[in-house]
All heavy atoms as atom14 arrays in JSON, in Angstrom:
{
  "sequence": "QPHEHNDAFAEERMLLGLANDVEGLRDATFETQVLESAFHEWVERV",
  "atom14_mask": [
    [1, 1, 1, 1, 1, 1, 1, 1, 1, 0, 0, 0, 0, 0],
    [1, 1, 1, 1, 1, 1, 1, 0, 0, 0, 0, 0, 0, 0],
    [1, 1, 1, 1, 1, 1, 1, 1, 1, 1, 0, 0, 0, 0],
    [1, 1, 1, 1, 1, 1, 1, 1, 1, 0, 0, 0, 0, 0],
    [1, 1, 1, 1, 1, 1, 1, 1, 1, 1, 0, 0, 0, 0],
    [1, 1, 1, 1, 1, 1, 1, 1, 0, 0, 0, 0, 0, 0],
    [1, 1, 1, 1, 1, 1, 1, 1, 0, 0, 0, 0, 0, 0],
    [1, 1, 1, 1, 1, 0, 0, 0, 0, 0, 0, 0, 0, 0],
    [1, 1, 1, 1, 1, 1, 1, 1, 1, 1, 1, 0, 0, 0],
    [1, 1, 1, 1, 1, 0, 0, 0, 0, 0, 0, 0, 0, 0],
    [1, 1, 1, 1, 1, 1, 1, 1, 1, 0, 0, 0, 0, 0],
    [1, 1, 1, 1, 1, 1, 1, 1, 1, 0, 0, 0, 0, 0],
    [1, 1, 1, 1, 1, 1, 1, 1, 1, 1, 1, 0, 0, 0],
    [1, 1, 1, 1, 1, 1, 1, 1, 0, 0, 0, 0, 0, 0],
    [1, 1, 1, 1, 1, 1, 1, 1, 0, 0, 0, 0, 0, 0],
    [1, 1, 1, 1, 1, 1, 1, 1, 0, 0, 0, 0, 0, 0],
    [1, 1, 1, 1, 0, 0, 0, 0, 0, 0, 0, 0, 0, 0],
    [1, 1, 1, 1, 1, 1, 1, 1, 0, 0, 0, 0, 0, 0],
    [1, 1, 1, 1, 1, 0, 0, 0, 0, 0, 0, 0, 0, 0],
    [1, 1, 1, 1, 1, 1, 1, 1, 0, 0, 0, 0, 0, 0],
    [1, 1, 1, 1, 1, 1, 1, 1, 0, 0, 0, 0, 0, 0],
    [1, 1, 1, 1, 1, 1, 1, 0, 0, 0, 0, 0, 0, 0],
    [1, 1, 1, 1, 1, 1, 1, 1, 1, 0, 0, 0, 0, 0],
    [1, 1, 1, 1, 0, 0, 0, 0, 0, 0, 0, 0, 0, 0],
    [1, 1, 1, 1, 1, 1, 1, 1, 0, 0, 0, 0, 0, 0],
    [1, 1, 1, 1, 1, 1, 1, 1, 1, 1, 1, 0, 0, 0],
    [1, 1, 1, 1, 1, 1, 1, 1, 0, 0, 0, 0, 0, 0],
    [1, 1, 1, 1, 1, 0, 0, 0, 0, 0, 0, 0, 0, 0],
    [1, 1, 1, 1, 1, 1, 1, 0, 0, 0, 0, 0, 0, 0],
    [1, 1, 1, 1, 1, 1, 1, 1, 1, 1, 1, 0, 0, 0],
    [1, 1, 1, 1, 1, 1, 1, 1, 1, 0, 0, 0, 0, 0],
    [1, 1, 1, 1, 1, 1, 1, 0, 0, 0, 0, 0, 0, 0],
    [1, 1, 1, 1, 1, 1, 1, 1, 1, 0, 0, 0, 0, 0],
    [1, 1, 1, 1, 1, 1, 1, 0, 0, 0, 0, 0, 0, 0],
    [1, 1, 1, 1, 1, 1, 1, 1, 0, 0, 0, 0, 0, 0],
    [1, 1, 1, 1, 1, 1, 1, 1, 1, 0, 0, 0, 0, 0],
    [1, 1, 1, 1, 1, 1, 0, 0, 0, 0, 0, 0, 0, 0],
    [1, 1, 1, 1, 1, 0, 0, 0, 0, 0, 0, 0, 0, 0],
    [1, 1, 1, 1, 1, 1, 1, 1, 1, 1, 1, 0, 0, 0],
    [1, 1, 1, 1, 1, 1, 1, 1, 1, 1, 0, 0, 0, 0],
    [1, 1, 1, 1, 1, 1, 1, 1, 1, 0, 0, 0, 0, 0],
    [1, 1, 1, 1, 1, 1, 1, 1, 1, 1, 1, 1, 1, 1],
    [1, 1, 1, 1, 1, 1, 1, 0, 0, 0, 0, 0, 0, 0],
    [1, 1, 1, 1, 1, 1, 1, 1, 1, 0, 0, 0, 0, 0],
    [1, 1, 1, 1, 1, 1, 1, 1, 1, 1, 1, 0, 0, 0],
    [1, 1, 1, 1, 1, 1, 1, 0, 0, 0, 0, 0, 0, 0]
  ],
  "atom14_positions": [
    [[0.83, -1.24, 0.01], [-0.01, 0.01, 0.0], [0.83, 1.25, -0.01], [1.76, 1.44, 0.83], [-0.92, 0.01, 1.23], [-1.86, 1.13, 1.28], [-2.44, 1.33, 2.7], [-1.75, 1.68, 3.61], [-3.72, 0.96, 2.89], [0.0, 0.0, 0.0], [0.0, 0.0, 0.0], [0.0, 0.0, 0.0], [0.0, 0.0, 0.0], [0.0, 0.0, 0.0]],
    [[0.61, 2.16, -0.96], [1.35, 3.43, -1.0], [0.86, 4.35, 0.2], [-0.12, 4.07, 0.83], [1.01, 4.07, -2.28], [-0.34, 3.4, -2.57], [-0.31, 2.09, -2.03], [0.0, 0.0, 0.0], [0.0, 0.0, 0.0], [0.0, 0.0, 0.0], [0.0, 0.0, 0.0], [0.0, 0.0, 0.0], [0.0, 0.0, 0.0], [0.0, 0.0, 0.0]],
    [[1.66, 5.36, 0.45], [1.17, 6.38, 1.43], [-0.23, 6.86, 1.05], [-0.58, 7.02, -0.15], [2.1, 7.5, 1.52], [1.79, 8.56, 2.62], [0.87, 9.48, 2.49], [2.36, 8.64, 3.87], [0.87, 10.22, 3.57], [1.76, 9.71, 4.4], [0.0, 0.0, 0.0], [0.0, 0.0, 0.0], [0.0, 0.0, 0.0], [0.0, 0.0, 0.0]],
    [[-1.06, 7.08, 2.05], [-2.46, 7.39, 1.77], [-2.61, 8.68, 0.85], [-3.61, 8.8, 0.17], [-3.25, 7.59, 3.08], [-2.75, 8.73, 3.92], [-3.55, 8.77, 5.22], [-4.74, 8.63, 5.29], [-2.88, 9.01, 6.28], [0.0, 0.0, 0.0], [0.0, 0.0, 0.0], [0.0, 0.0, 0.0], [0.0, 0.0, 0.0], [0.0, 0.0, 0.0]],
    [[-1.68, 9.57, 0.87], [-1.73, 10.7, 0.02], [-1.15, 10.48, -1.4], [-1.24, 11.34, -2.26], [-1.07, 11.9, 0.65], [-1.75, 12.43, 1.89], [-2.93, 13.18, 1.85], [-1.5, 12.25, 3.19], [-3.34, 13.42, 3.06], [-2.5, 12.89, 3.92], [0.0, 0.0, 0.0], [0.0, 0.0, 0.0], [0.0, 0.0, 0.0], [0.0, 0.0, 0.0]],
    [[-0.66, 9.32, -1.58], [-0.08, 8.94, -2.87], [-1.12, 8.0, -3.56], [-1.45, 6.97, -3.08], [1.24, 8.15, -2.73], [1.85, 7.68, -3.97], [1.22, 7.72, -5.04], [3.16, 7.38, -3.91], [0.0, 0.0, 0.0], [0.0, 0.0, 0.0], [0.0, 0.0, 0.0], [0.0, 0.0, 0.0], [0.0, 0.0, 0.0], [0.0, 0.0, 0.0]],
    [[-1.65, 8.47, -4.75], [-2.76, 7.77, -5.37], [-2.25, 6.65, -6.34], [-2.85, 6.42, -7.38], [-3.66, 8.73, -6.1], [-5.01, 8.21, -6.41], [-5.49, 7.28, -5.7], [-5.56, 8.61, -7.46], [0.0, 0.0, 0.0], [0.0, 0.0, 0.0], [0.0, 0.0, 0.0], [0.0, 0.0, 0.0], [0.0, 0.0, 0.0], [0.0, 0.0, 0.0]],
    [[-1.17, 5.94, -5.96], [-0.56, 5.01, -6.89], [-1.48, 3.85, -7.26], [-1.35, 3.19, -8.34], [0.7, 4.5, -6.3], [0.0, 0.0, 0.0], [0.0, 0.0, 0.0], [0.0, 0.0, 0.0], [0.0, 0.0, 0.0], [0.0, 0.0, 0.0], [0.0, 0.0, 0.0], [0.0, 0.0, 0.0], [0.0, 0.0, 0.0], [0.0, 0.0, 0.0]],
    [[-2.43, 3.51, -6.3], [-3.34, 2.39, -6.65], [-4.27, 2.71, -7.84], [-4.99, 1.84, -8.36], [-4.22, 2.06, -5.39], [-3.55, 1.03, -4.45], [-4.12, 0.82, -3.23], [-2.41, 0.34, -4.85], [-3.55, -0.15, -2.34], [-1.81, -0.57, -3.97], [-2.4, -0.86, -2.78], [0.0, 0.0, 0.0], [0.0, 0.0, 0.0], [0.0, 0.0, 0.0]],
    [[-4.27, 4.05, -8.22], [-5.13, 4.42, -9.36], [-4.41, 4.06, -10.66], [-5.03, 4.07, -11.71], [-5.32, 5.93, -9.34], [0.0, 0.0, 0.0], [0.0, 0.0, 0.0], [0.0, 0.0, 0.0], [0.0, 0.0, 0.0], [0.0, 0.0, 0.0], [0.0, 0.0, 0.0], [0.0, 0.0, 0.0], [0.0, 0.0, 0.0], [0.0, 0.0, 0.0]],
    [[-3.21, 3.6, -10.58], [-2.45, 3.19, -11.8], [-2.61, 1.72, -12.04], [-2.16, 0.87, -11.23], [-0.94, 3.56, -11.59], [-0.78, 5.05, -11.43], [0.76, 5.38, -11.19], [1.6, 4.44, -11.38], [1.01, 6.47, -10.69], [0.0, 0.0, 0.0], [0.0, 0.0, 0.0], [0.0, 0.0, 0.0], [0.0, 0.0, 0.0], [0.0, 0.0, 0.0]],
    [[-3.24, 1.39, -13.15], [-3.48, -0.04, -13.47], [-2.2, -0.84, -13.54], [-2.15, -2.05, -13.2], [-4.28, -0.23, -14.73], [-5.77, 0.19, -14.58], [-5.94, 1.65, -14.85], [-5.02, 2.46, -15.02], [-7.15, 2.09, -14.93], [0.0, 0.0, 0.0], [0.0, 0.0, 0.0], [0.0, 0.0, 0.0], [0.0, 0.0, 0.0], [0.0, 0.0, 0.0]],
    [[-1.17, -0.24, -13.99], [0.07, -0.95, -14.14], [0.62, -1.47, -12.79], [1.2, -2.49, -12.69], [1.14, -0.18, -14.86], [1.54, 1.12, -14.12], [2.52, 1.96, -15.04], [2.8, 3.2, -14.29], [3.55, 4.21, -14.84], [4.08, 4.04, -16.03], [3.76, 5.32, -14.15], [0.0, 0.0, 0.0], [0.0, 0.0, 0.0], [0.0, 0.0, 0.0]],
    [[0.39, -0.68, -11.8], [0.83, -1.06, -10.44], [-0.03, -2.21, -9.98], [0.46, -3.19, -9.45], [0.69, 0.05, -9.47], [1.08, -0.34, -7.98], [1.01, 1.03, -6.83], [1.66, 0.21, -5.39], [0.0, 0.0, 0.0], [0.0, 0.0, 0.0], [0.0, 0.0, 0.0], [0.0, 0.0, 0.0], [0.0, 0.0, 0.0], [0.0, 0.0, 0.0]],
    [[-1.39, -2.11, -10.16], [-2.24, -3.23, -9.78], [-2.0, -4.55, -10.54], [-1.95, -5.61, -9.93], [-3.69, -2.81, -10.03], [-4.19, -1.57, -9.25], [-5.53, -1.08, -9.7], [-4.18, -1.82, -7.69], [0.0, 0.0, 0.0], [0.0, 0.0, 0.0], [0.0, 0.0, 0.0], [0.0, 0.0, 0.0], [0.0, 0.0, 0.0], [0.0, 0.0, 0.0]],
    [[-1.63, -4.41, -11.77], [-1.3, -5.61, -12.6], [0.03, -6.18, -12.12], [0.21, -7.43, -11.97], [-1.29, -5.28, -14.06], [-2.61, -4.94, -14.71], [-2.41, -4.46, -16.14], [-3.49, -6.21, -14.64], [0.0, 0.0, 0.0], [0.0, 0.0, 0.0], [0.0, 0.0, 0.0], [0.0, 0.0, 0.0], [0.0, 0.0, 0.0], [0.0, 0.0, 0.0]],
    [[0.95, -5.27, -11.83], [2.25, -5.74, -11.34], [2.18, -6.49, -10.11], [2.82, -7.56, -9.86], [0.0, 0.0, 0.0], [0.0, 0.0, 0.0], [0.0, 0.0, 0.0], [0.0, 0.0, 0.0], [0.0, 0.0, 0.0], [0.0, 0.0, 0.0], [0.0, 0.0, 0.0], [0.0, 0.0, 0.0], [0.0, 0.0, 0.0], [0.0, 0.0, 0.0]],
    [[1.37, -5.99, -9.14], [1.15, -6.71, -7.83], [0.56, -8.04, -8.02], [0.75, -8.94, -7.25], [0.36, -5.82, -6.9], [1.09, -4.57, -6.46], [0.13, -3.69, -5.55], [2.36, -4.95, -5.69], [0.0, 0.0, 0.0], [0.0, 0.0, 0.0], [0.0, 0.0, 0.0], [0.0, 0.0, 0.0], [0.0, 0.0, 0.0], [0.0, 0.0, 0.0]],
    [[-0.36, -8.2, -9.06], [-0.98, -9.5, -9.35], [-0.02, -10.59, -9.65], [-0.26, -11.74, -9.49], [-1.96, -9.25, -10.49], [0.0, 0.0, 0.0], [0.0, 0.0, 0.0], [0.0, 0.0, 0.0], [0.0, 0.0, 0.0], [0.0, 0.0, 0.0], [0.0, 0.0, 0.0], [0.0, 0.0, 0.0], [0.0, 0.0, 0.0], [0.0, 0.0, 0.0]],
    [[1.22, -10.21, -10.09], [2.22, -11.14, -10.47], [2.67, -11.93, -9.15], [3.19, -13.04, -9.28], [3.45, -10.52, -11.11], [3.17, -10.0, -12.46], [2.37, -10.56, -13.16], [3.79, -8.9, -12.88], [0.0, 0.0, 0.0], [0.0, 0.0, 0.0], [0.0, 0.0, 0.0], [0.0, 0.0, 0.0], [0.0, 0.0, 0.0], [0.0, 0.0, 0.0]],
    [[2.42, -11.34, -7.96], [2.8, -11.95, -6.72], [1.84, -13.03, -6.26], [2.04, -13.68, -5.3], [2.93, -10.9, -5.62], [4.12, -9.97, -5.91], [4.99, -10.32, -6.72], [4.06, -8.87, -5.34], [0.0, 0.0, 0.0], [0.0, 0.0, 0.0], [0.0, 0.0, 0.0], [0.0, 0.0, 0.0], [0.0, 0.0, 0.0], [0.0, 0.0, 0.0]],
    [[0.68, -13.18, -7.02], [-0.38, -14.11, -6.62], [-0.41, -15.2, -7.64], [-0.74, -14.98, -8.82], [-1.76, -13.41, -6.53], [-2.82, -14.46, -6.17], [-1.68, -12.3, -5.47], [0.0, 0.0, 0.0], [0.0, 0.0, 0.0], [0.0, 0.0, 0.0], [0.0, 0.0, 0.0], [0.0, 0.0, 0.0], [0.0, 0.0, 0.0], [0.0, 0.0, 0.0]],
    [[-0.06, -16.36, -7.27], [0.03, -17.5, -8.27], [-1.38, -17.74, -8.88], [-2.37, -17.9, -8.24], [0.41, -18.79, -7.5], [0.63, -19.96, -8.42], [1.14, -21.28, -7.66], [1.37, -21.1, -6.48], [1.29, -22.29, -8.36], [0.0, 0.0, 0.0], [0.0, 0.0, 0.0], [0.0, 0.0, 0.0], [0.0, 0.0, 0.0], [0.0, 0.0, 0.0]],
    [[-1.33, -17.77, -10.23], [-2.45, -18.13, -11.0], [-3.41, -17.0, -11.14], [-4.56, -17.26, -11.68], [0.0, 0.0, 0.0], [0.0, 0.0, 0.0], [0.0, 0.0, 0.0], [0.0, 0.0, 0.0], [0.0, 0.0, 0.0], [0.0, 0.0, 0.0], [0.0, 0.0, 0.0], [0.0, 0.0, 0.0], [0.0, 0.0, 0.0], [0.0, 0.0, 0.0]],
    [[-3.19, -15.75, -10.81], [-4.15, -14.69, -10.88], [-4.09, -13.91, -12.15], [-5.04, -13.75, -12.88], [-3.94, -13.69, -9.7], [-4.92, -12.49, -9.74], [-6.32, -12.83, -9.77], [-4.55, -11.57, -8.51], [0.0, 0.0, 0.0], [0.0, 0.0, 0.0], [0.0, 0.0, 0.0], [0.0, 0.0, 0.0], [0.0, 0.0, 0.0], [0.0, 0.0, 0.0]],
    [[-2.88, -13.53, -12.53], [-2.73, -12.69, -13.71], [-2.82, -13.4, -15.02], [-1.94, -14.3, -15.29], [-1.44, -11.84, -13.69], [-1.34, -10.83, -14.74], [-0.28, -9.85, -14.66], [-0.21, -8.9, -15.71], [0.67, -7.86, -15.86], [1.53, -7.65, -14.92], [0.57, -7.08, -16.92], [0.0, 0.0, 0.0], [0.0, 0.0, 0.0], [0.0, 0.0, 0.0]],
    [[-3.86, -13.13, -15.79], [-3.99, -13.66, -17.14], [-4.64, -12.67, -18.01], [-4.93, -11.61, -17.51], [-4.68, -15.1, -17.16], [-6.08, -15.04, -16.63], [-6.63, -13.85, -16.38], [-6.78, -16.06, -16.51], [0.0, 0.0, 0.0], [0.0, 0.0, 0.0], [0.0, 0.0, 0.0], [0.0, 0.0, 0.0], [0.0, 0.0, 0.0], [0.0, 0.0, 0.0]],
    [[-5.0, -13.0, -19.19], [-5.63, -12.08, -20.11], [-6.99, -11.54, -19.54], [-7.3, -10.41, -19.66], [-5.83, -12.66, -21.45], [0.0, 0.0, 0.0], [0.0, 0.0, 0.0], [0.0, 0.0, 0.0], [0.0, 0.0, 0.0], [0.0, 0.0, 0.0], [0.0, 0.0, 0.0], [0.0, 0.0, 0.0], [0.0, 0.0, 0.0], [0.0, 0.0, 0.0]],
    [[-7.77, -12.46, -18.91], [-9.03, -12.11, -18.44], [-8.93, -11.08, -17.27], [-9.61, -10.02, -17.2], [-9.83, -13.33, -17.94], [-10.06, -14.2, -19.03], [-11.19, -12.94, -17.33], [0.0, 0.0, 0.0], [0.0, 0.0, 0.0], [0.0, 0.0, 0.0], [0.0, 0.0, 0.0], [0.0, 0.0, 0.0], [0.0, 0.0, 0.0], [0.0, 0.0, 0.0]],
    [[-7.97, -11.39, -16.33], [-7.8, -10.5, -15.18], [-7.27, -9.15, -15.71], [-7.79, -8.08, -15.23], [-6.8, -11.14, -14.22], [-6.47, -10.26, -13.06], [-7.25, -10.17, -11.99], [-5.32, -9.41, -13.11], [-6.95, -9.35, -10.88], [-4.96, -8.56, -12.0], [-5.81, -8.59, -10.91], [0.0, 0.0, 0.0], [0.0, 0.0, 0.0], [0.0, 0.0, 0.0]],
    [[-6.32, -9.13, -16.68], [-5.82, -7.86, -17.16], [-6.93, -7.05, -17.77], [-7.0, -5.81, -17.56], [-4.7, -8.15, -18.19], [-3.41, -8.72, -17.58], [-2.36, -8.93, -18.57], [-2.5, -8.53, -19.78], [-1.36, -9.55, -18.2], [0.0, 0.0, 0.0], [0.0, 0.0, 0.0], [0.0, 0.0, 0.0], [0.0, 0.0, 0.0], [0.0, 0.0, 0.0]],
    [[-7.78, -7.65, -18.61], [-8.92, -6.95, -19.23], [-9.84, -6.36, -18.19], [-10.28, -5.2, -18.31], [-9.68, -7.87, -20.16], [-8.82, -8.33, -21.2], [-10.86, -7.14, -20.77], [0.0, 0.0, 0.0], [0.0, 0.0, 0.0], [0.0, 0.0, 0.0], [0.0, 0.0, 0.0], [0.0, 0.0, 0.0], [0.0, 0.0, 0.0], [0.0, 0.0, 0.0]],
    [[-10.2, -7.16, -17.14], [-11.04, -6.65, -16.11], [-10.47, -5.51, -15.33], [-11.2, -4.57, -14.93], [-11.44, -7.78, -15.19], [-12.27, -8.83, -15.81], [-12.48, -10.09, -15.01], [-11.77, -10.35, -14.06], [-13.47, -10.88, -15.29], [0.0, 0.0, 0.0], [0.0, 0.0, 0.0], [0.0, 0.0, 0.0], [0.0, 0.0, 0.0], [0.0, 0.0, 0.0]],
    [[-9.15, -5.45, -15.15], [-8.56, -4.39, -14.49], [-8.42, -3.16, -15.4], [-8.81, -2.04, -15.01], [-7.09, -4.8, -13.99], [-6.34, -3.56, -13.48], [-7.15, -5.82, -12.93], [0.0, 0.0, 0.0], [0.0, 0.0, 0.0], [0.0, 0.0, 0.0], [0.0, 0.0, 0.0], [0.0, 0.0, 0.0], [0.0, 0.0, 0.0], [0.0, 0.0, 0.0]],
    [[-7.95, -3.37, -16.63], [-7.74, -2.22, -17.56], [-9.03, -1.58, -17.97], [-9.11, -0.36, -18.2], [-6.97, -2.66, -18.74], [-5.48, -3.09, -18.5], [-4.92, -3.72, -19.73], [-4.66, -1.96, -18.05], [0.0, 0.0, 0.0], [0.0, 0.0, 0.0], [0.0, 0.0, 0.0], [0.0, 0.0, 0.0], [0.0, 0.0, 0.0], [0.0, 0.0, 0.0]],
    [[-10.14, -2.36, -18.04], [-11.47, -1.8, -18.48], [-12.38, -1.5, -17.39], [-13.53, -1.17, -17.62], [-12.06, -2.8, -19.52], [-11.25, -3.02, -20.74], [-11.93, -3.88, -21.78], [-13.01, -4.38, -21.48], [-11.41, -4.09, -22.91], [0.0, 0.0, 0.0], [0.0, 0.0, 0.0], [0.0, 0.0, 0.0], [0.0, 0.0, 0.0], [0.0, 0.0, 0.0]],
    [[-11.85, -1.65, -16.12], [-12.76, -1.45, -14.86], [-14.02, -2.17, -15.09], [-15.14, -1.57, -14.94], [-12.97, 0.07, -14.75], [-11.78, 0.76, -14.41], [0.0, 0.0, 0.0], [0.0, 0.0, 0.0], [0.0, 0.0, 0.0], [0.0, 0.0, 0.0], [0.0, 0.0, 0.0], [0.0, 0.0, 0.0], [0.0, 0.0, 0.0], [0.0, 0.0, 0.0]],
    [[-13.94, -3.47, -15.27], [-15.07, -4.27, -15.59], [-16.11, -4.32, -14.41], [-17.33, -4.59, -14.63], [-14.63, -5.75, -15.87], [0.0, 0.0, 0.0], [0.0, 0.0, 0.0], [0.0, 0.0, 0.0], [0.0, 0.0, 0.0], [0.0, 0.0, 0.0], [0.0, 0.0, 0.0], [0.0, 0.0, 0.0], [0.0, 0.0, 0.0], [0.0, 0.0, 0.0]],
    [[-15.6, -4.1, -13.21], [-16.47, -4.17, -12.02], [-16.72, -2.79, -11.52], [-17.1, -2.63, -10.27], [-15.86, -5.07, -10.97], [-15.66, -6.5, -11.35], [-14.47, -6.99, -11.8], [-16.81, -7.33, -11.46], [-14.31, -8.29, -12.18], [-16.63, -8.63, -11.9], [-15.43, -9.1, -12.3], [0.0, 0.0, 0.0], [0.0, 0.0, 0.0], [0.0, 0.0, 0.0]],
    [[-16.67, -1.81, -12.33], [-16.87, -0.37, -11.86], [-18.21, -0.22, -11.18], [-18.27, 0.38, -10.07], [-16.79, 0.56, -13.07], [-17.11, 1.99, -12.73], [-16.36, 2.86, -11.97], [-18.26, 2.73, -12.98], [-16.91, 3.97, -11.81], [-18.09, 3.95, -12.43], [0.0, 0.0, 0.0], [0.0, 0.0, 0.0], [0.0, 0.0, 0.0], [0.0, 0.0, 0.0]],
    [[-19.3, -0.64, -11.77], [-20.61, -0.46, -11.13], [-20.73, -1.18, -9.83], [-21.31, -0.68, -8.92], [-21.68, -0.92, -12.12], [-21.83, -0.06, -13.4], [-23.01, -0.49, -14.3], [-23.79, -1.34, -13.83], [-23.15, 0.12, -15.36], [0.0, 0.0, 0.0], [0.0, 0.0, 0.0], [0.0, 0.0, 0.0], [0.0, 0.0, 0.0], [0.0, 0.0, 0.0]],
    [[-20.11, -2.38, -9.77], [-20.12, -3.11, -8.52], [-19.32, -2.29, -7.42], [-19.76, -2.27, -6.3], [-19.45, -4.45, -8.75], [-19.25, -5.26, -7.48], [-20.13, -5.93, -6.76], [-17.95, -5.43, -6.76], [-19.55, -6.55, -5.7], [-18.2, -6.26, -5.67], [-16.66, -5.0, -7.06], [-17.19, -6.67, -4.74], [-15.64, -5.42, -6.16], [-15.93, -6.16, -5.07]],
    [[-18.23, -1.72, -7.8], [-17.41, -0.95, -6.85], [-18.25, 0.16, -6.34], [-18.24, 0.48, -5.12], [-16.16, -0.45, -7.55], [-15.41, 0.62, -6.67], [-15.17, -1.58, -7.83], [0.0, 0.0, 0.0], [0.0, 0.0, 0.0], [0.0, 0.0, 0.0], [0.0, 0.0, 0.0], [0.0, 0.0, 0.0], [0.0, 0.0, 0.0], [0.0, 0.0, 0.0]],
    [[-19.01, 0.91, -7.19], [-19.83, 1.93, -6.74], [-20.96, 1.48, -5.76], [-21.16, 2.12, -4.72], [-20.53, 2.61, -7.95], [-19.56, 3.31, -8.91], [-18.98, 4.55, -8.22], [-19.66, 5.2, -7.46], [-17.79, 4.77, -8.53], [0.0, 0.0, 0.0], [0.0, 0.0, 0.0], [0.0, 0.0, 0.0], [0.0, 0.0, 0.0], [0.0, 0.0, 0.0]],
    [[-21.52, 0.31, -5.99], [-22.46, -0.22, -5.11], [-21.88, -0.61, -3.76], [-22.43, -0.39, -2.73], [-23.12, -1.5, -5.7], [-24.14, -1.21, -6.79], [-25.08, -2.37, -7.02], [-24.3, -3.62, -7.37], [-23.99, -3.93, -8.59], [-24.3, -3.07, -9.59], [-23.27, -4.99, -8.91], [0.0, 0.0, 0.0], [0.0, 0.0, 0.0], [0.0, 0.0, 0.0]],
    [[-20.64, -1.12, -3.79], [-19.94, -1.56, -2.56], [-19.69, -0.32, -1.75], [-19.87, -0.33, -0.48], [-18.61, -2.28, -2.91], [-17.81, -2.45, -1.68], [-18.91, -3.63, -3.56], [0.0, 0.0, 0.0], [0.0, 0.0, 0.0], [0.0, 0.0, 0.0], [0.0, 0.0, 0.0], [0.0, 0.0, 0.0], [0.0, 0.0, 0.0], [0.0, 0.0, 0.0]]
  ]
}
């Protein structure tokens, strides 16, 4: 997690890079869902 005043989590490349640390997570589907904000409406509801 970056410092709370650093909005680095807004950068998809950082989120995708961190996914490399989770075995079996990063693939084409995951990348598309991150880059296209596939769950944007769900995030708003949450």
